[in-house]
């Protein structure tokens, strides 16, 4: 979703449509090797920028805090 920063994705249907534009075979579950670490980090940065625009405790539709969890998981990972 963060390839296009999720702009305008305010319903589940719009999210699915956007995901399918970038990933034709989109499915809810993805293999662990589907994205590179660099792609994941780019998505995290885009999500951070989007979340910074929203100061609400509970984000509006189309905004998520899931990037915080992913960031912590990456930080804890040892190569």
N, C-alpha and C. Protein backbone atom coordinates (compact mmCIF):
# COMPACT_ATOMS: atom_id res chain seq x y z
N UNK A 1 0.81 -1.19 0.00
CA UNK A 1 0.00 0.00 0.00
C UNK A 1 0.85 1.25 0.00
N UNK A 2 2.03 1.16 0.54
CA UNK A 2 2.83 2.36 0.69
C UNK A 2 3.63 2.72 -0.56
N UNK A 3 3.49 1.91 -1.62
CA UNK A 3 4.10 2.32 -2.89
C UNK A 3 3.47 3.63 -3.34
N UNK A 4 2.20 3.82 -3.07
CA UNK A 4 1.54 5.06 -3.44
C UNK A 4 1.04 5.80 -2.21
N UNK A 5 1.57 5.45 -1.06
CA UNK A 5 1.24 6.07 0.21
C UNK A 5 -0.25 5.98 0.56
N UNK A 6 -0.94 5.05 -0.05
CA UNK A 6 -2.33 4.77 0.30
C UNK A 6 -3.29 5.92 0.10
N UNK A 7 -2.95 6.86 -0.74
CA UNK A 7 -3.82 8.03 -0.93
C UNK A 7 -5.18 7.61 -1.47
N UNK A 8 -6.23 8.05 -0.79
CA UNK A 8 -7.58 7.77 -1.23
C UNK A 8 -8.10 6.39 -0.86
N UNK A 9 -7.31 5.61 -0.19
CA UNK A 9 -7.73 4.26 0.19
C UNK A 9 -8.44 4.31 1.54
N UNK A 10 -9.74 4.55 1.48
CA UNK A 10 -10.50 4.72 2.71
C UNK A 10 -11.53 3.63 2.95
N UNK A 11 -11.59 2.66 2.04
CA UNK A 11 -12.49 1.51 2.23
C UNK A 11 -11.72 0.24 1.91
N UNK A 12 -12.16 -0.90 2.42
CA UNK A 12 -11.49 -2.15 2.07
C UNK A 12 -11.45 -2.40 0.56
N UNK A 13 -12.50 -2.02 -0.15
CA UNK A 13 -12.53 -2.23 -1.59
C UNK A 13 -11.46 -1.39 -2.30
N UNK A 14 -11.29 -0.14 -1.86
CA UNK A 14 -10.27 0.72 -2.46
C UNK A 14 -8.87 0.21 -2.14
N UNK A 15 -8.68 -0.31 -0.95
CA UNK A 15 -7.38 -0.89 -0.57
C UNK A 15 -7.08 -2.08 -1.47
N UNK A 16 -8.03 -2.99 -1.63
CA UNK A 16 -7.82 -4.15 -2.49
C UNK A 16 -7.50 -3.74 -3.92
N UNK A 17 -8.22 -2.75 -4.45
CA UNK A 17 -7.98 -2.29 -5.82
C UNK A 17 -6.57 -1.72 -5.97
N UNK A 18 -6.13 -0.94 -4.99
CA UNK A 18 -4.79 -0.35 -5.05
C UNK A 18 -3.72 -1.44 -4.96
N UNK A 19 -3.92 -2.40 -4.08
CA UNK A 19 -2.96 -3.49 -3.95
C UNK A 19 -2.86 -4.28 -5.25
N UNK A 20 -3.97 -4.52 -5.88
CA UNK A 20 -3.97 -5.30 -7.13
C UNK A 20 -3.32 -4.54 -8.28
N UNK A 21 -3.29 -3.20 -8.22
CA UNK A 21 -2.59 -2.42 -9.25
C UNK A 21 -1.10 -2.69 -9.21
N UNK A 22 -0.54 -2.85 -8.01
CA UNK A 22 0.90 -3.05 -7.86
C UNK A 22 1.28 -4.52 -7.79
N UNK A 23 0.31 -5.32 -7.45
CA UNK A 23 0.60 -6.73 -7.18
C UNK A 23 -0.60 -7.53 -7.68
N UNK A 24 -0.57 -7.85 -8.97
CA UNK A 24 -1.69 -8.49 -9.64
C UNK A 24 -2.27 -9.70 -8.96
N UNK A 25 -1.43 -10.47 -8.30
CA UNK A 25 -1.91 -11.68 -7.63
C UNK A 25 -2.05 -11.47 -6.13
N UNK A 26 -2.44 -10.28 -5.74
CA UNK A 26 -2.58 -9.97 -4.32
C UNK A 26 -3.47 -10.97 -3.60
N UNK A 27 -3.00 -11.40 -2.46
CA UNK A 27 -3.78 -12.25 -1.56
C UNK A 27 -3.50 -11.76 -0.14
N UNK A 28 -4.40 -12.00 0.76
CA UNK A 28 -4.24 -11.51 2.14
C UNK A 28 -2.95 -12.03 2.77
N UNK A 29 -2.60 -13.26 2.53
CA UNK A 29 -1.39 -13.86 3.09
C UNK A 29 -0.26 -13.79 2.06
N UNK A 30 0.92 -13.43 2.50
CA UNK A 30 2.07 -13.33 1.59
C UNK A 30 3.23 -14.15 2.13
N UNK A 31 4.02 -14.72 1.21
CA UNK A 31 5.21 -15.44 1.66
C UNK A 31 6.23 -14.47 2.26
N UNK A 32 7.02 -14.95 3.18
CA UNK A 32 8.01 -14.10 3.86
C UNK A 32 9.01 -13.49 2.90
N UNK A 33 9.24 -14.10 1.77
CA UNK A 33 10.23 -13.61 0.81
C UNK A 33 9.62 -12.75 -0.30
N UNK A 34 8.37 -12.37 -0.17
CA UNK A 34 7.69 -11.61 -1.22
C UNK A 34 8.34 -10.23 -1.44
N UNK A 35 8.81 -9.60 -0.37
CA UNK A 35 9.40 -8.27 -0.47
C UNK A 35 10.81 -8.27 0.10
N UNK A 36 11.66 -7.42 -0.46
CA UNK A 36 13.02 -7.30 0.06
C UNK A 36 12.99 -6.42 1.32
N UNK A 37 14.04 -6.49 2.10
CA UNK A 37 14.14 -5.65 3.29
C UNK A 37 14.11 -4.17 2.91
N UNK A 38 14.75 -3.81 1.81
CA UNK A 38 14.72 -2.41 1.36
C UNK A 38 13.30 -1.96 1.01
N UNK A 39 12.52 -2.82 0.38
CA UNK A 39 11.14 -2.48 0.06
C UNK A 39 10.31 -2.29 1.34
N UNK A 40 10.54 -3.15 2.31
CA UNK A 40 9.83 -3.04 3.58
C UNK A 40 10.20 -1.74 4.27
N UNK A 41 11.49 -1.39 4.28
CA UNK A 41 11.93 -0.15 4.91
C UNK A 41 11.35 1.07 4.20
N UNK A 42 11.24 1.00 2.87
CA UNK A 42 10.64 2.11 2.12
C UNK A 42 9.16 2.25 2.51
N UNK A 43 8.47 1.14 2.64
CA UNK A 43 7.06 1.17 3.05
C UNK A 43 6.91 1.76 4.45
N UNK A 44 7.82 1.40 5.35
CA UNK A 44 7.80 1.93 6.71
C UNK A 44 7.96 3.46 6.69
N UNK A 45 8.90 3.94 5.90
CA UNK A 45 9.13 5.39 5.81
C UNK A 45 7.89 6.11 5.26
N UNK A 46 7.26 5.54 4.23
CA UNK A 46 6.05 6.15 3.68
C UNK A 46 4.93 6.15 4.71
N UNK A 47 4.80 5.07 5.46
CA UNK A 47 3.75 5.00 6.49
C UNK A 47 4.01 6.02 7.59
N UNK A 48 5.29 6.19 7.97
CA UNK A 48 5.64 7.19 8.99
C UNK A 48 5.22 8.58 8.55
N UNK A 49 5.52 8.92 7.29
CA UNK A 49 5.17 10.24 6.76
C UNK A 49 3.66 10.43 6.79
N UNK A 50 2.93 9.41 6.39
CA UNK A 50 1.48 9.52 6.37
C UNK A 50 0.92 9.66 7.78
N UNK A 51 1.46 8.91 8.72
CA UNK A 51 0.96 8.95 10.11
C UNK A 51 1.30 10.28 10.77
N UNK A 52 2.43 10.87 10.42
CA UNK A 52 2.84 12.15 10.98
C UNK A 52 1.81 13.23 10.67
N UNK A 53 1.14 13.12 9.53
CA UNK A 53 0.12 14.09 9.14
C UNK A 53 -1.13 13.97 10.01
N UNK A 54 -1.29 12.84 10.68
CA UNK A 54 -2.49 12.59 11.48
C UNK A 54 -2.08 12.51 12.95
N UNK A 55 -2.49 13.50 13.72
CA UNK A 55 -2.11 13.54 15.14
C UNK A 55 -3.13 12.88 16.05
N UNK A 56 -4.20 12.33 15.47
CA UNK A 56 -5.24 11.67 16.27
C UNK A 56 -4.70 10.40 16.93
N UNK A 57 -5.17 10.11 18.13
CA UNK A 57 -4.76 8.89 18.82
C UNK A 57 -5.16 7.65 18.02
N UNK A 58 -6.36 7.69 17.47
CA UNK A 58 -6.82 6.62 16.60
C UNK A 58 -6.80 7.15 15.17
N UNK A 59 -5.99 6.55 14.31
CA UNK A 59 -5.86 7.08 12.95
C UNK A 59 -7.15 6.93 12.14
N UNK A 60 -7.30 7.83 11.19
CA UNK A 60 -8.44 7.81 10.28
C UNK A 60 -8.33 6.63 9.32
N UNK A 61 -9.42 6.30 8.61
CA UNK A 61 -9.34 5.23 7.61
C UNK A 61 -8.22 5.48 6.62
N UNK A 62 -7.52 4.44 6.26
CA UNK A 62 -6.41 4.56 5.32
C UNK A 62 -5.08 4.84 5.99
N UNK A 63 -5.08 4.99 7.31
CA UNK A 63 -3.84 5.23 8.06
C UNK A 63 -3.72 4.13 9.11
N UNK A 64 -2.52 3.64 9.29
CA UNK A 64 -2.31 2.55 10.24
C UNK A 64 -1.04 2.78 11.05
N UNK A 65 -0.97 2.15 12.18
CA UNK A 65 0.24 2.18 13.01
C UNK A 65 1.00 0.86 12.93
N UNK A 66 0.61 0.00 12.01
CA UNK A 66 1.27 -1.31 11.88
C UNK A 66 2.76 -1.17 11.60
N UNK A 67 3.16 -0.07 10.97
CA UNK A 67 4.58 0.14 10.66
C UNK A 67 5.43 0.17 11.93
N UNK A 68 4.83 0.60 13.04
CA UNK A 68 5.58 0.63 14.31
C UNK A 68 5.97 -0.78 14.73
N UNK A 69 5.06 -1.71 14.60
CA UNK A 69 5.35 -3.11 14.92
C UNK A 69 6.42 -3.67 14.00
N UNK A 70 6.28 -3.42 12.71
CA UNK A 70 7.25 -3.94 11.75
C UNK A 70 8.63 -3.35 12.02
N UNK A 71 8.69 -2.06 12.33
CA UNK A 71 9.99 -1.42 12.66
C UNK A 71 10.65 -2.11 13.85
N UNK A 72 9.86 -2.37 14.88
CA UNK A 72 10.42 -3.02 16.08
C UNK A 72 10.88 -4.44 15.79
N UNK A 73 10.15 -5.14 14.94
CA UNK A 73 10.54 -6.51 14.57
C UNK A 73 11.87 -6.50 13.79
N UNK A 74 12.01 -5.53 12.90
CA UNK A 74 13.25 -5.42 12.13
C UNK A 74 14.42 -5.06 13.04
N UNK A 75 14.19 -4.12 13.95
CA UNK A 75 15.26 -3.72 14.89
C UNK A 75 15.74 -4.91 15.74
N UNK A 76 14.82 -5.77 16.12
CA UNK A 76 15.15 -6.92 16.95
C UNK A 76 15.77 -8.06 16.20
N UNK A 77 15.68 -8.05 14.87
CA UNK A 77 16.22 -9.13 14.05
C UNK A 77 17.74 -9.03 13.98
N UNK A 78 18.41 -10.10 14.24
CA UNK A 78 19.87 -10.13 14.13
C UNK A 78 20.26 -10.95 12.91
N UNK A 79 21.12 -10.38 12.06
CA UNK A 79 21.58 -11.09 10.86
C UNK A 79 22.73 -12.00 11.17
